[in-house]
Amino acid sequence: MSIAQSPVQLIRPKRHGDARGWFTEVYSEATFAKLGIDCRFVQDNHSLSVPKFTLRGLHFQTPPHGQDKLVRCIRGAIFDVAVDVRKDSPTYGQWVGAELSAENGHQLFVPIGFAHAFLTLEDDCEVSYKCSDLYAPTCDGGVRWNDPEIGAGGIDWPMPSGVTPELSAKDAVLPLLADFDSPFPYDGRPLAPLA
């Protein structure tokens, strides 16, 4: 992918396998720069979600501590989502999503200006992600996971009808997109389907 394409990118690192198993390079500053991802990661996070259909998000950090994130699932499988929350973006409120799993090894790059969430598709999922800024509680924010205004009908979460995901108390009461005054500027790159 080039820098002119969508700011949210699905990355498929190559795995080199033999009888022992496989090896993959999950991050290389030089390789990511060729993809138009030019940030410095300063913090790694790792989460365990025990029950299937645990949902974490939709989260972001506001300036001056916005975070680019590079997300991967290292155990189980998740549906990973990014929502455009950049002021004046022609794709404001639109979303993209992809399945990330330990098996497929895919990663999602979620830049500053996008709300991020994931839904676990199996029990005992572990997610690891890199962040370009440290956690700053005063800049912590988010929007509600089931806001019907996102994508003009809500995010199409892959779970059975009538199932309510496991949520934190904080995530259950996040504001709606209509109540959010975005501090994120639009950089001229509209959100596009994941390639």
C-alpha atoms as a PDB file:
ATOM      1  CA  MET A   1       0.000   0.000   0.000  1.00  0.00           C
ATOM      2  CA  SER A   2       1.107   3.542  -0.640  1.00  0.00           C
ATOM      3  CA  ILE A   3       0.597   6.560   1.577  1.00  0.00           C
ATOM      4  CA  ALA A   4      -2.158   7.877  -0.725  1.00  0.00           C
ATOM      5  CA  GLN A   5      -4.407   4.963   0.156  1.00  0.00           C
ATOM      6  CA  SER A   6      -6.567   4.457   3.225  1.00  0.00           C
ATOM      7  CA  PRO A   7      -4.947   5.443   6.528  1.00  0.00           C
ATOM      8  CA  VAL A   8      -6.262   2.227   8.163  1.00  0.00           C
ATOM      9  CA  GLN A   9      -4.306  -0.701   6.764  1.00  0.00           C
ATOM     10  CA  LEU A  10      -4.601  -4.476   7.003  1.00  0.00           C
ATOM     11  CA  ILE A  11      -1.102  -5.941   7.121  1.00  0.00           C
ATOM     12  CA  ARG A  12      -0.364  -9.568   6.286  1.00  0.00           C
ATOM     13  CA  PRO A  13       3.190 -10.391   7.410  1.00  0.00           C
ATOM     14  CA  LYS A  14       4.774 -13.261   5.489  1.00  0.00           C
ATOM     15  CA  ARG A  15       5.414 -16.443   7.442  1.00  0.00           C
ATOM     16  CA  HIS A  16       8.442 -18.591   6.644  1.00  0.00           C
ATOM     17  CA  GLY A  17       7.726 -22.188   7.612  1.00  0.00           C
ATOM     18  CA  ASP A  18       9.440 -25.551   7.786  1.00  0.00           C
ATOM     19  CA  ALA A  19       9.074 -28.772   9.760  1.00  0.00           C
ATOM     20  CA  ARG A  20       9.757 -26.893  13.030  1.00  0.00           C
ATOM     21  CA  GLY A  21       6.942 -24.362  12.547  1.00  0.00           C
ATOM     22  CA  TRP A  22       7.183 -20.807  11.221  1.00  0.00           C
ATOM     23  CA  PHE A  23       8.883 -17.437  11.684  1.00  0.00           C
ATOM     24  CA  THR A  24       7.479 -13.994  10.878  1.00  0.00           C
ATOM     25  CA  GLU A  25       8.657 -10.423  11.207  1.00  0.00           C
ATOM     26  CA  VAL A  26       5.758  -8.585  12.882  1.00  0.00           C
ATOM     27  CA  TYR A  27       7.310  -5.132  12.818  1.00  0.00           C
ATOM     28  CA  SER A  28      10.134  -3.431  10.935  1.00  0.00           C
ATOM     29  CA  GLU A  29      10.369   0.350  10.871  1.00  0.00           C
ATOM     30  CA  ALA A  30      11.791   0.292   7.314  1.00  0.00           C
ATOM     31  CA  THR A  31       9.100  -2.053   5.972  1.00  0.00           C
ATOM     32  CA  PHE A  32       6.294  -0.074   7.573  1.00  0.00           C
ATOM     33  CA  ALA A  33       7.705   3.213   6.227  1.00  0.00           C
ATOM     34  CA  LYS A  34       7.318   1.733   2.704  1.00  0.00           C
ATOM     35  CA  LEU A  35       3.617   1.235   3.548  1.00  0.00           C
ATOM     36  CA  GLY A  36       3.302   4.911   4.503  1.00  0.00           C
ATOM     37  CA  ILE A  37       3.255   4.134   8.224  1.00  0.00           C
ATOM     38  CA  ASP A  38       5.684   6.606   9.711  1.00  0.00           C
ATOM     39  CA  CYS A  39       5.364   6.582  13.485  1.00  0.00           C
ATOM     40  CA  ARG A  40       7.448   5.605  16.462  1.00  0.00           C
ATOM     41  CA  PHE A  41       5.963   3.044  18.830  1.00  0.00           C
ATOM     42  CA  VAL A  42       6.682   3.652  22.527  1.00  0.00           C
ATOM     43  CA  GLN A  43       4.378   1.248  24.385  1.00  0.00           C
ATOM     44  CA  ASP A  44       3.240  -2.357  23.937  1.00  0.00           C
ATOM     45  CA  ASN A  45      -0.050  -3.550  25.466  1.00  0.00           C
ATOM     46  CA  HIS A  46      -1.278  -7.119  25.939  1.00  0.00           C
ATOM     47  CA  SER A  47      -4.813  -8.126  26.932  1.00  0.00           C
ATOM     48  CA  LEU A  48      -6.565 -11.392  27.751  1.00  0.00           C
ATOM     49  CA  SER A  49     -10.331 -11.623  27.223  1.00  0.00           C
ATOM     50  CA  VAL A  50     -11.716 -14.839  28.712  1.00  0.00           C
ATOM     51  CA  PRO A  51     -15.315 -15.136  27.464  1.00  0.00           C
ATOM     52  CA  LYS A  52     -16.207 -15.285  23.775  1.00  0.00           C
ATOM     53  CA  PHE A  53     -17.942 -12.091  22.593  1.00  0.00           C
ATOM     54  CA  THR A  54     -16.003  -9.772  24.887  1.00  0.00           C
ATOM     55  CA  LEU A  55     -15.956  -6.316  23.305  1.00  0.00           C
ATOM     56  CA  ARG A  56     -13.325  -3.697  24.136  1.00  0.00           C
ATOM     57  CA  GLY A  57     -13.887  -0.200  22.713  1.00  0.00           C
ATOM     58  CA  LEU A  58     -14.486   1.985  20.823  1.00  0.00           C
ATOM     59  CA  HIS A  59     -11.432   3.800  22.241  1.00  0.00           C
ATOM     60  CA  PHE A  60      -9.029   6.583  21.294  1.00  0.00           C
ATOM     61  CA  GLN A  61      -6.733   9.115  22.914  1.00  0.00           C
ATOM     62  CA  THR A  62      -7.179  12.784  22.059  1.00  0.00           C
ATOM     63  CA  PRO A  63      -4.360  15.241  21.282  1.00  0.00           C
ATOM     64  CA  PRO A  64      -1.781  15.941  22.462  1.00  0.00           C
ATOM     65  CA  HIS A  65      -1.503  12.209  23.249  1.00  0.00           C
ATOM     66  CA  GLY A  66      -3.192  10.601  20.238  1.00  0.00           C
ATOM     67  CA  GLN A  67      -2.124   7.033  19.569  1.00  0.00           C
ATOM     68  CA  ASP A  68      -1.385   5.148  16.366  1.00  0.00           C
ATOM     69  CA  LYS A  69      -1.965   1.440  17.081  1.00  0.00           C
ATOM     70  CA  LEU A  70      -0.676  -1.730  15.466  1.00  0.00           C
ATOM     71  CA  VAL A  71      -2.974  -4.552  16.600  1.00  0.00           C
ATOM     72  CA  ARG A  72      -2.573  -8.316  16.353  1.00  0.00           C
ATOM     73  CA  CYS A  73      -4.243 -11.324  17.937  1.00  0.00           C
ATOM     74  CA  ILE A  74      -1.745 -13.808  19.328  1.00  0.00           C
ATOM     75  CA  ARG A  75      -4.226 -16.363  20.715  1.00  0.00           C
ATOM     76  CA  GLY A  76      -7.713 -17.064  19.372  1.00  0.00           C
ATOM     77  CA  ALA A  77      -9.504 -14.724  16.952  1.00  0.00           C
ATOM     78  CA  ILE A  78     -11.017 -11.247  17.051  1.00  0.00           C
ATOM     79  CA  PHE A  79     -13.009  -8.935  14.813  1.00  0.00           C
ATOM     80  CA  ASP A  80     -11.015  -5.694  14.848  1.00  0.00           C
ATOM     81  CA  VAL A  81     -12.681  -2.372  13.934  1.00  0.00           C
ATOM     82  CA  ALA A  82     -11.615   1.204  13.199  1.00  0.00           C
ATOM     83  CA  VAL A  83     -14.094   4.113  12.949  1.00  0.00           C
ATOM     84  CA  ASP A  84     -13.184   7.412  11.288  1.00  0.00           C
ATOM     85  CA  VAL A  85     -13.628  10.234  13.843  1.00  0.00           C
ATOM     86  CA  ARG A  86     -11.590  12.920  12.031  1.00  0.00           C
ATOM     87  CA  LYS A  87     -13.408  16.267  11.856  1.00  0.00           C
ATOM     88  CA  ASP A  88     -14.506  17.207   8.307  1.00  0.00           C
ATOM     89  CA  SER A  89     -13.530  13.809   6.891  1.00  0.00           C
ATOM     90  CA  PRO A  90     -15.812  12.739   4.023  1.00  0.00           C
ATOM     91  CA  THR A  91     -15.851   9.283   5.644  1.00  0.00           C
ATOM     92  CA  TYR A  92     -16.550  10.538   9.198  1.00  0.00           C
ATOM     93  CA  GLY A  93     -18.448   7.864  11.145  1.00  0.00           C
ATOM     94  CA  GLN A  94     -17.666   5.103   8.640  1.00  0.00           C
ATOM     95  CA  TRP A  95     -15.970   1.901   9.771  1.00  0.00           C
ATOM     96  CA  VAL A  96     -13.810  -0.952   8.515  1.00  0.00           C
ATOM     97  CA  GLY A  97     -13.184  -4.287  10.157  1.00  0.00           C
ATOM     98  CA  ALA A  98     -11.122  -7.426   9.723  1.00  0.00           C
ATOM     99  CA  GLU A  99     -10.654 -10.755  11.426  1.00  0.00           C
ATOM    100  CA  LEU A 100      -7.289 -11.018  13.135  1.00  0.00           C
ATOM    101  CA  SER A 101      -6.269 -14.379  14.520  1.00  0.00           C
ATOM    102  CA  ALA A 102      -3.297 -16.287  15.814  1.00  0.00           C
ATOM    103  CA  GLU A 103      -3.752 -18.533  12.789  1.00  0.00           C
ATOM    104  CA  ASN A 104      -3.797 -15.869  10.048  1.00  0.00           C
ATOM    105  CA  GLY A 105      -1.206 -13.550  11.655  1.00  0.00           C
ATOM    106  CA  HIS A 106      -2.820 -10.426  10.195  1.00  0.00           C
ATOM    107  CA  GLN A 107      -2.420  -7.025  11.850  1.00  0.00           C
ATOM    108  CA  LEU A 108      -4.465  -3.832  11.698  1.00  0.00           C
ATOM    109  CA  PHE A 109      -2.816  -0.428  11.708  1.00  0.00           C
ATOM    110  CA  VAL A 110      -5.210   2.091  13.295  1.00  0.00           C
ATOM    111  CA  PRO A 111      -3.894   5.667  13.039  1.00  0.00           C
ATOM    112  CA  ILE A 112      -4.630   8.675  15.214  1.00  0.00           C
ATOM    113  CA  GLY A 113      -8.112   9.977  14.412  1.00  0.00           C
ATOM    114  CA  PHE A 114      -9.811   6.585  14.456  1.00  0.00           C
ATOM    115  CA  ALA A 115     -11.729   4.935  17.277  1.00  0.00           C
ATOM    116  CA  HIS A 116     -10.692   1.322  17.812  1.00  0.00           C
ATOM    117  CA  ALA A 117     -12.487  -1.735  19.176  1.00  0.00           C
ATOM    118  CA  PHE A 118     -12.378  -5.488  18.964  1.00  0.00           C
ATOM    119  CA  LEU A 119     -14.804  -8.331  19.603  1.00  0.00           C
ATOM    120  CA  THR A 120     -13.453 -11.740  20.639  1.00  0.00           C
ATOM    121  CA  LEU A 121     -14.677 -14.598  18.456  1.00  0.00           C
ATOM    122  CA  GLU A 122     -13.384 -17.353  20.753  1.00  0.00           C
ATOM    123  CA  ASP A 123     -12.794 -17.878  24.457  1.00  0.00           C
ATOM    124  CA  ASP A 124      -9.404 -16.910  25.914  1.00  0.00           C
ATOM    125  CA  CYS A 125      -8.257 -14.421  23.266  1.00  0.00           C
ATOM    126  CA  GLU A 126      -4.989 -12.574  23.704  1.00  0.00           C
ATOM    127  CA  VAL A 127      -4.366  -9.320  21.846  1.00  0.00           C
ATOM    128  CA  SER A 128      -1.078  -7.470  21.619  1.00  0.00           C
ATOM    129  CA  TYR A 129      -0.755  -3.971  20.234  1.00  0.00           C
ATOM    130  CA  LYS A 130       1.848  -1.281  19.850  1.00  0.00           C
ATOM    131  CA  CYS A 131       1.046   2.384  20.591  1.00  0.00           C
ATOM    132  CA  SER A 132       2.799   5.534  19.408  1.00  0.00           C
ATOM    133  CA  ASP A 133       2.185   7.423  22.677  1.00  0.00           C
ATOM    134  CA  LEU A 134       1.933   6.460  26.326  1.00  0.00           C
ATOM    135  CA  TYR A 135      -1.411   5.991  28.041  1.00  0.00           C
ATOM    136  CA  ALA A 136      -2.709   9.390  29.157  1.00  0.00           C
ATOM    137  CA  PRO A 137      -5.856   9.099  31.336  1.00  0.00           C
ATOM    138  CA  THR A 138      -6.778  12.779  30.807  1.00  0.00           C
ATOM    139  CA  CYS A 139      -6.929  12.174  27.031  1.00  0.00           C
ATOM    140  CA  ASP A 140      -8.815   8.874  27.207  1.00  0.00           C
ATOM    141  CA  GLY A 141     -12.010   8.861  25.137  1.00  0.00           C
ATOM    142  CA  GLY A 142     -14.364   6.773  23.093  1.00  0.00           C
ATOM    143  CA  VAL A 143     -17.749   6.292  21.482  1.00  0.00           C
ATOM    144  CA  ARG A 144     -20.384   3.645  22.061  1.00  0.00           C
ATOM    145  CA  TRP A 145     -19.870   0.257  20.384  1.00  0.00           C
ATOM    146  CA  ASN A 146     -23.507  -0.014  19.215  1.00  0.00           C
ATOM    147  CA  ASP A 147     -24.107   3.576  18.050  1.00  0.00           C
ATOM    148  CA  PRO A 148     -26.586   3.263  15.152  1.00  0.00           C
ATOM    149  CA  GLU A 149     -25.119   6.381  13.493  1.00  0.00           C
ATOM    150  CA  ILE A 150     -21.794   4.662  12.854  1.00  0.00           C
ATOM    151  CA  GLY A 151     -21.805   3.508   9.254  1.00  0.00           C
ATOM    152  CA  ALA A 152     -25.471   4.587   8.948  1.00  0.00           C
ATOM    153  CA  GLY A 153     -26.826   1.541  10.717  1.00  0.00           C
ATOM    154  CA  GLY A 154     -24.153   0.534  13.196  1.00  0.00           C
ATOM    155  CA  ILE A 155     -21.171  -1.774  13.059  1.00  0.00           C
ATOM    156  CA  ASP A 156     -21.975  -5.253  11.764  1.00  0.00           C
ATOM    157  CA  TRP A 157     -20.493  -7.154  14.694  1.00  0.00           C
ATOM    158  CA  PRO A 158     -20.190 -10.903  13.915  1.00  0.00           C
ATOM    159  CA  MET A 159     -22.226 -12.329  16.769  1.00  0.00           C
ATOM    160  CA  PRO A 160     -25.616 -14.045  16.896  1.00  0.00           C
ATOM    161  CA  SER A 161     -28.743 -11.911  17.025  1.00  0.00           C
ATOM    162  CA  GLY A 162     -29.814 -11.174  20.577  1.00  0.00           C
ATOM    163  CA  VAL A 163     -26.348 -11.682  22.065  1.00  0.00           C
ATOM    164  CA  THR A 164     -25.019  -8.802  24.145  1.00  0.00           C
ATOM    165  CA  PRO A 165     -21.230  -8.664  24.359  1.00  0.00           C
ATOM    166  CA  GLU A 166     -19.279  -8.613  27.603  1.00  0.00           C
ATOM    167  CA  LEU A 167     -18.416  -4.934  28.223  1.00  0.00           C
ATOM    168  CA  SER A 168     -16.591  -2.963  30.863  1.00  0.00           C
ATOM    169  CA  ALA A 169     -18.734  -0.555  32.892  1.00  0.00           C
ATOM    170  CA  LYS A 170     -16.886   2.322  31.205  1.00  0.00           C
ATOM    171  CA  ASP A 171     -17.464   1.048  27.653  1.00  0.00           C
ATOM    172  CA  ALA A 172     -21.182   0.475  28.278  1.00  0.00           C
ATOM    173  CA  VAL A 173     -21.773   4.216  28.824  1.00  0.00           C
ATOM    174  CA  LEU A 174     -19.432   5.830  26.299  1.00  0.00           C
ATOM    175  CA  PRO A 175     -21.043   8.759  24.427  1.00  0.00           C
ATOM    176  CA  LEU A 176     -22.682   8.520  21.036  1.00  0.00           C
ATOM    177  CA  LEU A 177     -20.897   9.873  17.976  1.00  0.00           C
ATOM    178  CA  ALA A 178     -23.458  12.709  17.753  1.00  0.00           C
ATOM    179  CA  ASP A 179     -22.305  13.919  21.196  1.00  0.00           C
ATOM    180  CA  PHE A 180     -18.611  13.880  20.285  1.00  0.00           C
ATOM    181  CA  ASP A 181     -16.824  17.066  19.188  1.00  0.00           C
ATOM    182  CA  SER A 182     -13.810  15.677  17.357  1.00  0.00           C
ATOM    183  CA  PRO A 183     -10.385  17.235  18.028  1.00  0.00           C
ATOM    184  CA  PHE A 184      -8.823  15.145  15.246  1.00  0.00           C
ATOM    185  CA  PRO A 185      -8.006  16.919  11.956  1.00  0.00           C
ATOM    186  CA  TYR A 186      -8.666  15.368   8.561  1.00  0.00           C
ATOM    187  CA  ASP A 187      -5.421  14.603   6.687  1.00  0.00           C
ATOM    188  CA  GLY A 188      -6.849  14.344   3.163  1.00  0.00           C
ATOM    189  CA  ARG A 189      -6.998  10.524   3.071  1.00  0.00           C
ATOM    190  CA  PRO A 190     -10.548   9.152   3.218  1.00  0.00           C
ATOM    191  CA  LEU A 191     -11.212   5.770   4.784  1.00  0.00           C
ATOM    192  CA  ALA A 192     -11.336   3.030   2.152  1.00  0.00           C
ATOM    193  CA  PRO A 193     -12.191  -0.686   2.273  1.00  0.00           C
ATOM    194  CA  LEU A 194      -9.350  -2.825   3.557  1.00  0.00           C
ATOM    195  CA  ALA A 195      -7.251  -4.313   0.769  1.00  0.00           C
END
